[in-house]
Amino acid sequence: MAINKRDYEKVETCLFIHKAKPNVFLLRKVINGKYFTKVLILDLRAGWSKREHKNEAKKEFVKWLENINKQAKGLKFKDTTRVNDLFEIWKSKKDRSKKSVASDIAFYETYLQDGIGKEIVVDVIAAQIDEIIYNLMHVGKFNQAIGKIQILSKRKAYDNTRRILGEMFDIALRNQLIVVNPCSLLTKVTSQTKK
């Protein structure tokens, strides 16, 4: 259904109300030459005036505006963003020609991708990461490259997991997807001697 702008009158910049329907609004915003448009239909509420519908629409407009500003910046974070999605963003910002970066990518893909990688970012807590580190140090994880279960040293399990996931969760923190980086709350692991 095409939107006819003549059916709407301006409430404020980027927000328009339908002339015949007090619960229908048009939201329009141009960011970097790209048009964003949404028709907002509020529930009809008995006893509400046109003014009350406008106030409710303004609240919804603010939420919508925050979302499209993130989209316009190229950030596609949602409450359903998975850790593997965050890994792809983290990886795209790294210089893969460096040996340490290639090593970090291989570590994540080998030891973290199939486990925590499938989790939703906002649901990850420090205890989950602690458990992953413990399992890597004591139970081990099957490494397809060498074809056997590998138990990692404290340095490799704790330091690599904390650093790599910490950098990834910092991206989510900076983009207001999470409030605290779970890697900043990890239990400190004491040194482990090799057998």
N, C-alpha and C. Protein backbone atom coordinates (compact mmCIF):
# COMPACT_ATOMS: atom_id res chain seq x y z
N MET A 1 0.84 -1.17 0.00
CA MET A 1 0.00 0.00 0.00
C MET A 1 0.89 1.24 0.00
N ALA A 2 0.66 2.13 -0.94
CA ALA A 2 1.45 3.34 -1.06
C ALA A 2 1.05 4.35 0.00
N ILE A 3 2.02 5.09 0.45
CA ILE A 3 1.78 6.12 1.46
C ILE A 3 1.57 7.44 0.74
N ASN A 4 0.43 8.07 0.98
CA ASN A 4 0.15 9.38 0.40
C ASN A 4 0.41 10.43 1.46
N LYS A 5 1.44 11.20 1.27
CA LYS A 5 1.85 12.18 2.28
C LYS A 5 0.78 13.25 2.50
N ARG A 6 -0.08 13.45 1.51
CA ARG A 6 -1.15 14.45 1.64
C ARG A 6 -2.20 14.06 2.68
N ASP A 7 -2.24 12.77 3.04
CA ASP A 7 -3.19 12.31 4.05
C ASP A 7 -2.74 12.64 5.47
N TYR A 8 -1.54 13.18 5.60
CA TYR A 8 -0.95 13.44 6.91
C TYR A 8 -0.66 14.91 7.11
N GLU A 9 -0.70 15.34 8.36
CA GLU A 9 -0.29 16.70 8.71
C GLU A 9 0.85 16.61 9.71
N LYS A 10 1.70 17.63 9.67
CA LYS A 10 2.92 17.61 10.48
C LYS A 10 2.61 17.84 11.97
N VAL A 11 3.22 16.97 12.80
CA VAL A 11 3.16 17.15 14.25
C VAL A 11 4.42 17.89 14.68
N GLU A 12 5.54 17.38 14.23
CA GLU A 12 6.85 17.99 14.44
C GLU A 12 7.78 17.42 13.38
N THR A 13 9.01 17.85 13.36
CA THR A 13 9.95 17.38 12.36
C THR A 13 9.99 15.86 12.33
N CYS A 14 9.75 15.30 11.14
CA CYS A 14 9.81 13.85 10.89
C CYS A 14 8.62 13.06 11.41
N LEU A 15 7.65 13.71 12.03
CA LEU A 15 6.49 13.01 12.59
C LEU A 15 5.21 13.66 12.07
N PHE A 16 4.35 12.84 11.46
CA PHE A 16 3.12 13.32 10.86
C PHE A 16 1.95 12.47 11.35
N ILE A 17 0.76 13.09 11.53
CA ILE A 17 -0.44 12.38 11.96
C ILE A 17 -1.43 12.31 10.80
N HIS A 18 -2.12 11.20 10.70
CA HIS A 18 -3.13 11.02 9.66
C HIS A 18 -4.28 11.99 9.94
N LYS A 19 -4.77 12.64 8.89
CA LYS A 19 -5.81 13.66 9.06
C LYS A 19 -7.14 13.06 9.54
N ALA A 20 -7.45 11.83 9.12
CA ALA A 20 -8.73 11.22 9.47
C ALA A 20 -8.65 10.23 10.62
N LYS A 21 -7.45 9.72 10.89
CA LYS A 21 -7.30 8.68 11.92
C LYS A 21 -6.30 9.15 12.97
N PRO A 22 -6.76 9.47 14.17
CA PRO A 22 -5.85 10.03 15.19
C PRO A 22 -4.84 9.03 15.75
N ASN A 23 -4.97 7.75 15.41
CA ASN A 23 -4.03 6.74 15.93
C ASN A 23 -3.01 6.29 14.88
N VAL A 24 -3.01 6.92 13.69
CA VAL A 24 -2.09 6.54 12.61
C VAL A 24 -1.10 7.68 12.37
N PHE A 25 0.19 7.31 12.38
CA PHE A 25 1.25 8.31 12.23
C PHE A 25 2.23 7.87 11.14
N LEU A 26 2.85 8.84 10.54
CA LEU A 26 3.90 8.59 9.54
C LEU A 26 5.21 9.11 10.12
N LEU A 27 6.21 8.23 10.17
CA LEU A 27 7.54 8.60 10.67
C LEU A 27 8.46 8.63 9.46
N ARG A 28 9.15 9.74 9.27
CA ARG A 28 10.06 9.86 8.12
C ARG A 28 11.35 10.54 8.55
N LYS A 29 12.46 9.99 8.08
CA LYS A 29 13.76 10.57 8.43
C LYS A 29 14.72 10.29 7.28
N VAL A 30 15.55 11.26 6.95
CA VAL A 30 16.58 11.09 5.94
C VAL A 30 17.93 11.18 6.64
N ILE A 31 18.74 10.11 6.49
CA ILE A 31 20.08 10.08 7.08
C ILE A 31 21.06 9.71 5.98
N ASN A 32 22.02 10.58 5.74
CA ASN A 32 23.03 10.37 4.70
C ASN A 32 22.40 10.04 3.34
N GLY A 33 21.33 10.74 3.01
CA GLY A 33 20.68 10.55 1.72
C GLY A 33 19.78 9.32 1.63
N LYS A 34 19.66 8.58 2.72
CA LYS A 34 18.82 7.38 2.72
C LYS A 34 17.52 7.68 3.47
N TYR A 35 16.39 7.33 2.84
CA TYR A 35 15.09 7.57 3.43
C TYR A 35 14.64 6.40 4.30
N PHE A 36 14.17 6.74 5.49
CA PHE A 36 13.59 5.76 6.40
C PHE A 36 12.15 6.20 6.65
N THR A 37 11.21 5.28 6.46
CA THR A 37 9.80 5.59 6.61
C THR A 37 9.10 4.46 7.35
N LYS A 38 8.17 4.84 8.21
CA LYS A 38 7.38 3.84 8.93
C LYS A 38 5.99 4.41 9.19
N VAL A 39 4.98 3.56 9.01
CA VAL A 39 3.63 3.93 9.40
C VAL A 39 3.40 3.30 10.77
N LEU A 40 3.10 4.14 11.73
CA LEU A 40 2.89 3.70 13.11
C LEU A 40 1.39 3.72 13.40
N ILE A 41 0.86 2.58 13.76
CA ILE A 41 -0.57 2.49 14.10
C ILE A 41 -0.67 2.14 15.59
N LEU A 42 -1.15 3.10 16.34
CA LEU A 42 -1.32 2.90 17.78
C LEU A 42 -2.68 2.27 18.05
N ASP A 43 -2.78 1.54 19.16
CA ASP A 43 -4.08 1.01 19.57
C ASP A 43 -5.01 2.17 19.88
N LEU A 44 -6.26 2.07 19.42
CA LEU A 44 -7.25 3.09 19.78
C LEU A 44 -7.59 2.93 21.25
N ARG A 45 -7.51 4.00 21.98
CA ARG A 45 -7.79 3.94 23.41
C ARG A 45 -9.01 4.82 23.70
N ALA A 46 -9.97 4.23 24.34
CA ALA A 46 -11.20 4.97 24.67
C ALA A 46 -10.87 6.15 25.57
N GLY A 47 -11.41 7.27 25.24
CA GLY A 47 -11.21 8.46 26.06
C GLY A 47 -9.94 9.24 25.75
N TRP A 48 -9.12 8.75 24.82
CA TRP A 48 -7.88 9.46 24.50
C TRP A 48 -8.17 10.53 23.45
N SER A 49 -7.59 11.67 23.67
CA SER A 49 -7.72 12.76 22.70
C SER A 49 -6.62 12.64 21.65
N LYS A 50 -6.72 13.49 20.65
CA LYS A 50 -5.71 13.52 19.59
C LYS A 50 -4.33 13.85 20.21
N ARG A 51 -4.35 14.71 21.21
CA ARG A 51 -3.10 15.13 21.87
C ARG A 51 -2.43 13.94 22.56
N GLU A 52 -3.20 13.09 23.24
CA GLU A 52 -2.64 11.94 23.95
C GLU A 52 -2.05 10.92 22.95
N HIS A 53 -2.73 10.76 21.82
CA HIS A 53 -2.18 9.89 20.78
C HIS A 53 -0.86 10.46 20.24
N LYS A 54 -0.80 11.78 20.08
CA LYS A 54 0.44 12.43 19.60
C LYS A 54 1.58 12.19 20.59
N ASN A 55 1.29 12.34 21.88
CA ASN A 55 2.33 12.14 22.90
C ASN A 55 2.86 10.70 22.89
N GLU A 56 1.95 9.74 22.73
CA GLU A 56 2.35 8.33 22.65
C GLU A 56 3.19 8.10 21.40
N ALA A 57 2.79 8.71 20.29
CA ALA A 57 3.53 8.57 19.03
C ALA A 57 4.93 9.16 19.15
N LYS A 58 5.07 10.25 19.87
CA LYS A 58 6.38 10.87 20.07
C LYS A 58 7.33 9.92 20.80
N LYS A 59 6.81 9.19 21.79
CA LYS A 59 7.63 8.21 22.52
C LYS A 59 8.10 7.10 21.59
N GLU A 60 7.16 6.59 20.78
CA GLU A 60 7.51 5.54 19.82
C GLU A 60 8.48 6.06 18.77
N PHE A 61 8.31 7.32 18.39
CA PHE A 61 9.18 7.94 17.39
C PHE A 61 10.62 8.00 17.88
N VAL A 62 10.83 8.32 19.15
CA VAL A 62 12.17 8.39 19.73
C VAL A 62 12.85 7.02 19.67
N LYS A 63 12.10 5.96 20.03
CA LYS A 63 12.65 4.60 19.96
C LYS A 63 13.02 4.24 18.52
N TRP A 64 12.13 4.54 17.60
CA TRP A 64 12.36 4.24 16.18
C TRP A 64 13.58 4.99 15.66
N LEU A 65 13.70 6.25 16.05
CA LEU A 65 14.81 7.09 15.62
C LEU A 65 16.16 6.53 16.10
N GLU A 66 16.21 6.06 17.34
CA GLU A 66 17.44 5.44 17.86
C GLU A 66 17.83 4.22 17.02
N ASN A 67 16.83 3.42 16.69
CA ASN A 67 17.07 2.21 15.91
C ASN A 67 17.59 2.53 14.50
N ILE A 68 16.97 3.50 13.83
CA ILE A 68 17.43 3.80 12.46
C ILE A 68 18.77 4.51 12.45
N ASN A 69 19.08 5.26 13.52
CA ASN A 69 20.41 5.87 13.60
C ASN A 69 21.49 4.80 13.67
N LYS A 70 21.21 3.71 14.41
CA LYS A 70 22.16 2.59 14.46
C LYS A 70 22.27 1.94 13.09
N GLN A 71 21.14 1.75 12.41
CA GLN A 71 21.15 1.15 11.07
C GLN A 71 21.95 2.01 10.09
N ALA A 72 21.75 3.33 10.18
CA ALA A 72 22.44 4.23 9.27
C ALA A 72 23.94 4.21 9.47
N LYS A 73 24.37 3.96 10.69
CA LYS A 73 25.80 3.86 10.98
C LYS A 73 26.36 2.50 10.61
N GLY A 74 25.48 1.60 10.15
CA GLY A 74 25.94 0.28 9.74
C GLY A 74 25.96 -0.72 10.87
N LEU A 75 25.45 -0.35 12.02
CA LEU A 75 25.43 -1.26 13.16
C LEU A 75 24.12 -2.02 13.15
N LYS A 76 24.23 -3.32 13.12
CA LYS A 76 23.02 -4.13 13.02
C LYS A 76 22.82 -4.93 14.30
N PHE A 77 23.01 -4.26 15.43
CA PHE A 77 22.85 -4.95 16.70
C PHE A 77 21.38 -4.99 17.10
N LYS A 78 20.96 -6.14 17.57
CA LYS A 78 19.61 -6.33 18.08
C LYS A 78 19.74 -7.15 19.36
N ASP A 79 18.64 -7.31 20.03
CA ASP A 79 18.63 -8.14 21.23
C ASP A 79 18.89 -9.61 20.90
N THR A 80 18.82 -9.96 19.61
CA THR A 80 19.03 -11.36 19.20
C THR A 80 20.39 -11.58 18.56
N THR A 81 21.27 -10.57 18.61
CA THR A 81 22.61 -10.70 18.04
C THR A 81 23.37 -11.80 18.77
N ARG A 82 23.95 -12.71 18.03
CA ARG A 82 24.70 -13.83 18.61
C ARG A 82 26.19 -13.47 18.71
N VAL A 83 26.90 -14.19 19.55
CA VAL A 83 28.32 -13.94 19.74
C VAL A 83 29.07 -14.16 18.42
N ASN A 84 28.66 -15.14 17.62
CA ASN A 84 29.31 -15.36 16.33
C ASN A 84 29.15 -14.15 15.40
N ASP A 85 28.00 -13.44 15.49
CA ASP A 85 27.81 -12.21 14.69
C ASP A 85 28.80 -11.14 15.16
N LEU A 86 28.99 -11.06 16.45
CA LEU A 86 29.94 -10.12 17.04
C LEU A 86 31.36 -10.46 16.60
N PHE A 87 31.66 -11.77 16.53
CA PHE A 87 32.97 -12.22 16.08
C PHE A 87 33.24 -11.75 14.65
N GLU A 88 32.23 -11.82 13.78
CA GLU A 88 32.41 -11.38 12.39
C GLU A 88 32.73 -9.88 12.32
N ILE A 89 32.08 -9.09 13.16
CA ILE A 89 32.36 -7.65 13.21
C ILE A 89 33.76 -7.42 13.74
N TRP A 90 34.10 -8.12 14.83
CA TRP A 90 35.44 -8.00 15.42
C TRP A 90 36.51 -8.37 14.40
N LYS A 91 36.28 -9.48 13.69
CA LYS A 91 37.24 -9.97 12.70
C LYS A 91 37.42 -8.97 11.56
N SER A 92 36.34 -8.32 11.15
CA SER A 92 36.41 -7.38 10.03
C SER A 92 37.23 -6.13 10.38
N LYS A 93 37.38 -5.85 11.67
CA LYS A 93 38.13 -4.68 12.11
C LYS A 93 39.62 -4.98 12.36
N LYS A 94 40.01 -6.23 12.20
CA LYS A 94 41.38 -6.65 12.50
C LYS A 94 42.22 -6.75 11.23
N ASP A 95 43.53 -6.56 11.39
CA ASP A 95 44.48 -6.74 10.29
C ASP A 95 44.89 -8.21 10.27
N ARG A 96 44.29 -8.96 9.35
CA ARG A 96 44.50 -10.41 9.33
C ARG A 96 45.89 -10.83 8.86
N SER A 97 46.66 -9.87 8.37
CA SER A 97 48.01 -10.23 7.94
C SER A 97 48.94 -10.44 9.14
N LYS A 98 48.54 -9.94 10.30
CA LYS A 98 49.36 -10.13 11.50
C LYS A 98 49.19 -11.55 12.01
N LYS A 99 50.29 -12.14 12.42
CA LYS A 99 50.29 -13.52 12.89
C LYS A 99 49.44 -13.68 14.15
N SER A 100 49.50 -12.70 15.06
CA SER A 100 48.73 -12.79 16.31
C SER A 100 47.23 -12.74 16.04
N VAL A 101 46.81 -11.96 15.06
CA VAL A 101 45.38 -11.87 14.71
C VAL A 101 44.92 -13.19 14.10
N ALA A 102 45.71 -13.75 13.22
CA ALA A 102 45.38 -15.04 12.61
C ALA A 102 45.28 -16.12 13.69
N SER A 103 46.16 -16.04 14.68
CA SER A 103 46.15 -16.99 15.78
C SER A 103 44.89 -16.83 16.63
N ASP A 104 44.48 -15.58 16.89
CA ASP A 104 43.26 -15.31 17.66
C ASP A 104 42.02 -15.82 16.93
N ILE A 105 41.97 -15.61 15.62
CA ILE A 105 40.84 -16.08 14.82
C ILE A 105 40.76 -17.59 14.86
N ALA A 106 41.91 -18.24 14.70
CA ALA A 106 41.95 -19.71 14.74
C ALA A 106 41.53 -20.23 16.11
N PHE A 107 41.96 -19.55 17.19
CA PHE A 107 41.58 -19.95 18.55
C PHE A 107 40.06 -19.88 18.71
N TYR A 108 39.47 -18.75 18.31
CA TYR A 108 38.02 -18.59 18.44
C TYR A 108 37.29 -19.67 17.64
N GLU A 109 37.70 -19.85 16.39
CA GLU A 109 37.01 -20.82 15.53
C GLU A 109 37.16 -22.25 16.04
N THR A 110 38.29 -22.57 16.67
CA THR A 110 38.52 -23.92 17.16
C THR A 110 37.84 -24.17 18.50
N TYR A 111 37.95 -23.23 19.44
CA TYR A 111 37.53 -23.49 20.82
C TYR A 111 36.25 -22.78 21.28
N LEU A 112 35.85 -21.71 20.62
CA LEU A 112 34.73 -20.93 21.15
C LEU A 112 33.51 -20.87 20.23
N GLN A 113 33.73 -20.97 18.95
CA GLN A 113 32.66 -20.76 17.97
C GLN A 113 31.46 -21.68 18.15
N ASP A 114 31.69 -22.96 18.38
CA ASP A 114 30.59 -23.91 18.49
C ASP A 114 29.87 -23.86 19.83
N GLY A 115 30.48 -23.27 20.83
CA GLY A 115 29.87 -23.20 22.15
C GLY A 115 29.25 -21.85 22.40
N ILE A 116 30.05 -20.93 22.93
CA ILE A 116 29.53 -19.61 23.28
C ILE A 116 29.15 -18.81 22.04
N GLY A 117 29.71 -19.16 20.90
CA GLY A 117 29.40 -18.44 19.67
C GLY A 117 27.93 -18.47 19.29
N LYS A 118 27.23 -19.51 19.72
CA LYS A 118 25.81 -19.64 19.39
C LYS A 118 24.90 -18.92 20.39
N GLU A 119 25.48 -18.40 21.46
CA GLU A 119 24.70 -17.71 22.49
C GLU A 119 24.33 -16.29 22.04
N ILE A 120 23.23 -15.79 22.56
CA ILE A 120 22.82 -14.41 22.30
C ILE A 120 23.65 -13.50 23.21
N VAL A 121 24.22 -12.45 22.63
CA VAL A 121 25.17 -11.58 23.34
C VAL A 121 24.61 -11.06 24.66
N VAL A 122 23.39 -10.57 24.67
CA VAL A 122 22.84 -9.97 25.90
C VAL A 122 22.59 -10.99 27.00
N ASP A 123 22.59 -12.28 26.65
CA ASP A 123 22.34 -13.33 27.65
C ASP A 123 23.62 -13.91 28.25
N VAL A 124 24.78 -13.58 27.70
CA VAL A 124 26.04 -14.15 28.18
C VAL A 124 26.43 -13.51 29.52
N ILE A 125 26.79 -14.37 30.47
CA ILE A 125 27.25 -13.88 31.78
C ILE A 125 28.65 -14.42 32.05
N ALA A 126 29.33 -13.81 32.99
CA ALA A 126 30.71 -14.18 33.31
C ALA A 126 30.84 -15.64 33.70
N ALA A 127 29.85 -16.19 34.40
CA ALA A 127 29.91 -17.58 34.85
C ALA A 127 30.00 -18.55 33.66
N GLN A 128 29.34 -18.22 32.56
CA GLN A 128 29.43 -19.07 31.37
C GLN A 128 30.85 -19.09 30.82
N ILE A 129 31.47 -17.93 30.78
CA ILE A 129 32.83 -17.83 30.27
C ILE A 129 33.80 -18.53 31.22
N ASP A 130 33.58 -18.37 32.53
CA ASP A 130 34.38 -19.10 33.52
C ASP A 130 34.30 -20.60 33.27
N GLU A 131 33.11 -21.09 33.00
CA GLU A 131 32.91 -22.52 32.76
C GLU A 131 33.64 -22.98 31.49
N ILE A 132 33.60 -22.16 30.45
CA ILE A 132 34.31 -22.50 29.21
C ILE A 132 35.81 -22.60 29.47
N ILE A 133 36.34 -21.64 30.21
CA ILE A 133 37.78 -21.64 30.52
C ILE A 133 38.14 -22.87 31.34
N TYR A 134 37.32 -23.17 32.35
CA TYR A 134 37.56 -24.35 33.18
C TYR A 134 37.59 -25.62 32.32
N ASN A 135 36.58 -25.75 31.45
CA ASN A 135 36.51 -26.94 30.58
C ASN A 135 37.71 -27.03 29.63
N LEU A 136 38.16 -25.91 29.10
CA LEU A 136 39.32 -25.93 28.21
C LEU A 136 40.58 -26.36 28.96
N MET A 137 40.67 -26.01 30.25
CA MET A 137 41.85 -26.33 31.04
C MET A 137 41.80 -27.74 31.64
N HIS A 138 40.61 -28.28 31.91
CA HIS A 138 40.52 -29.55 32.64
C HIS A 138 39.88 -30.68 31.84
N VAL A 139 38.87 -30.37 31.05
CA VAL A 139 38.16 -31.41 30.29
C VAL A 139 38.72 -31.50 28.87
N GLY A 140 39.03 -30.36 28.29
CA GLY A 140 39.56 -30.32 26.94
C GLY A 140 38.47 -30.14 25.90
N LYS A 141 38.88 -29.93 24.68
CA LYS A 141 37.97 -29.75 23.55
C LYS A 141 38.58 -30.44 22.35
N PHE A 142 37.74 -31.08 21.55
CA PHE A 142 38.24 -31.78 20.37
C PHE A 142 38.75 -30.76 19.35
N ASN A 143 39.98 -30.93 18.93
CA ASN A 143 40.60 -30.06 17.95
C ASN A 143 40.66 -30.83 16.63
N GLN A 144 39.88 -30.40 15.64
CA GLN A 144 39.83 -31.10 14.37
C GLN A 144 41.16 -31.04 13.61
N ALA A 145 41.90 -29.97 13.81
CA ALA A 145 43.17 -29.81 13.09
C ALA A 145 44.17 -30.90 13.47
N ILE A 146 44.18 -31.28 14.75
CA ILE A 146 45.12 -32.34 15.17
C ILE A 146 44.41 -33.67 15.39
N GLY A 147 43.08 -33.65 15.36
CA GLY A 147 42.31 -34.89 15.45
C GLY A 147 42.23 -35.54 16.81
N LYS A 148 42.35 -34.74 17.89
CA LYS A 148 42.22 -35.32 19.24
C LYS A 148 41.76 -34.25 20.22
N ILE A 149 41.39 -34.72 21.41
CA ILE A 149 40.98 -33.79 22.46
C ILE A 149 42.22 -33.11 23.00
N GLN A 150 42.12 -31.80 23.14
CA GLN A 150 43.27 -31.03 23.59
C GLN A 150 42.90 -30.28 24.86
N ILE A 151 43.75 -30.43 25.89
CA ILE A 151 43.59 -29.68 27.13
C ILE A 151 44.58 -28.52 27.07
N LEU A 152 44.08 -27.32 27.32
CA LEU A 152 44.91 -26.13 27.16
C LEU A 152 45.53 -25.68 28.48
N SER A 153 46.65 -24.98 28.36
CA SER A 153 47.31 -24.41 29.53
C SER A 153 46.48 -23.22 30.03
N LYS A 154 46.78 -22.78 31.25
CA LYS A 154 46.09 -21.63 31.82
C LYS A 154 46.26 -20.41 30.93
N ARG A 155 47.47 -20.18 30.47
CA ARG A 155 47.73 -19.01 29.63
C ARG A 155 46.89 -19.03 28.37
N LYS A 156 46.88 -20.16 27.73
CA LYS A 156 46.15 -20.24 26.47
C LYS A 156 44.63 -20.20 26.70
N ALA A 157 44.13 -20.93 27.68
CA ALA A 157 42.69 -21.00 27.94
C ALA A 157 42.16 -19.67 28.50
N TYR A 158 42.74 -19.22 29.60
CA TYR A 158 42.23 -18.02 30.28
C TYR A 158 42.58 -16.75 29.53
N ASP A 159 43.85 -16.55 29.26
CA ASP A 159 44.29 -15.29 28.66
C ASP A 159 43.68 -15.08 27.27
N ASN A 160 43.73 -16.10 26.42
CA ASN A 160 43.19 -15.94 25.07
C ASN A 160 41.68 -15.74 25.08
N THR A 161 40.97 -16.56 25.85
CA THR A 161 39.51 -16.45 25.90
C THR A 161 39.11 -15.08 26.44
N ARG A 162 39.74 -14.67 27.53
CA ARG A 162 39.41 -13.37 28.14
C ARG A 162 39.71 -12.21 27.19
N ARG A 163 40.85 -12.26 26.53
CA ARG A 163 41.25 -11.16 25.64
C ARG A 163 40.36 -11.09 24.40
N ILE A 164 40.16 -12.23 23.74
CA ILE A 164 39.39 -12.24 22.49
C ILE A 164 37.93 -11.89 22.76
N LEU A 165 37.30 -12.59 23.71
CA LEU A 165 35.90 -12.28 24.02
C LEU A 165 35.76 -10.88 24.61
N GLY A 166 36.76 -10.46 25.39
CA GLY A 166 36.72 -9.12 25.97
C GLY A 166 36.68 -8.04 24.90
N GLU A 167 37.50 -8.19 23.87
CA GLU A 167 37.50 -7.22 22.76
C GLU A 167 36.16 -7.25 22.02
N MET A 168 35.62 -8.45 21.84
CA MET A 168 34.34 -8.57 21.14
C MET A 168 33.21 -7.93 21.95
N PHE A 169 33.16 -8.21 23.26
CA PHE A 169 32.11 -7.63 24.09
C PHE A 169 32.29 -6.13 24.28
N ASP A 170 33.52 -5.62 24.12
CA ASP A 170 33.73 -4.17 24.14
C ASP A 170 33.00 -3.50 22.97
N ILE A 171 32.97 -4.16 21.83
CA ILE A 171 32.23 -3.63 20.67
C ILE A 171 30.75 -3.52 21.03
N ALA A 172 30.20 -4.57 21.63
CA ALA A 172 28.79 -4.56 22.04
C ALA A 172 28.54 -3.49 23.10
N LEU A 173 29.50 -3.31 24.01
CA LEU A 173 29.38 -2.30 25.06
C LEU A 173 29.37 -0.90 24.47
N ARG A 174 30.31 -0.63 23.56
CA ARG A 174 30.38 0.69 22.93
C ARG A 174 29.14 1.01 22.12
N ASN A 175 28.48 -0.01 21.60
CA ASN A 175 27.27 0.20 20.80
C ASN A 175 25.99 -0.01 21.60
N GLN A 176 26.13 0.01 22.92
CA GLN A 176 25.02 -0.01 23.87
C GLN A 176 24.11 -1.23 23.74
N LEU A 177 24.69 -2.35 23.32
CA LEU A 177 23.93 -3.59 23.29
C LEU A 177 23.93 -4.24 24.67
N ILE A 178 25.03 -4.05 25.42
CA ILE A 178 25.15 -4.57 26.78
C ILE A 178 25.58 -3.43 27.70
N VAL A 179 25.40 -3.63 28.99
CA VAL A 179 25.74 -2.59 29.97
C VAL A 179 27.12 -2.83 30.58
N VAL A 180 27.50 -4.11 30.69
CA VAL A 180 28.81 -4.44 31.27
C VAL A 180 29.43 -5.57 30.46
N ASN A 181 30.74 -5.51 30.30
CA ASN A 181 31.48 -6.55 29.59
C ASN A 181 31.65 -7.74 30.55
N PRO A 182 31.06 -8.91 30.22
CA PRO A 182 31.16 -10.04 31.15
C PRO A 182 32.60 -10.49 31.40
N CYS A 183 33.52 -10.18 30.49
CA CYS A 183 34.92 -10.58 30.67
C CYS A 183 35.60 -9.78 31.77
N SER A 184 35.04 -8.63 32.12
CA SER A 184 35.62 -7.84 33.21
C SER A 184 35.25 -8.42 34.57
N LEU A 185 34.35 -9.41 34.60
CA LEU A 185 33.90 -10.00 35.86
C LEU A 185 34.37 -11.44 36.04
N LEU A 186 35.30 -11.89 35.20
CA LEU A 186 35.74 -13.28 35.26
C LEU A 186 36.51 -13.58 36.54
N THR A 187 36.41 -14.82 36.99
CA THR A 187 37.17 -15.29 38.13
C THR A 187 38.62 -15.47 37.71
N LYS A 188 39.52 -14.90 38.47
CA LYS A 188 40.95 -15.02 38.14
C LYS A 188 41.39 -16.46 38.31
N VAL A 189 42.09 -16.98 37.30
CA VAL A 189 42.57 -18.36 37.34
C VAL A 189 44.01 -18.35 37.82
N THR A 190 44.31 -19.20 38.81
CA THR A 190 45.69 -19.28 39.30
C THR A 190 46.52 -20.11 38.34
N SER A 191 47.80 -19.92 38.40
CA SER A 191 48.72 -20.63 37.50
C SER A 191 48.58 -22.13 37.64
N GLN A 192 48.73 -22.79 36.51
CA GLN A 192 48.61 -24.26 36.47
C GLN A 192 49.93 -24.81 35.94
N THR A 193 50.44 -25.79 36.61
CA THR A 193 51.70 -26.40 36.15
C THR A 193 51.38 -27.53 35.20
N LYS A 194 52.17 -27.64 34.16
CA LYS A 194 51.99 -28.72 33.16
C LYS A 194 52.44 -30.04 33.74
N LYS A 195 51.68 -31.11 33.41
CA LYS A 195 52.04 -32.43 33.88
C LYS A 195 53.03 -33.07 32.93
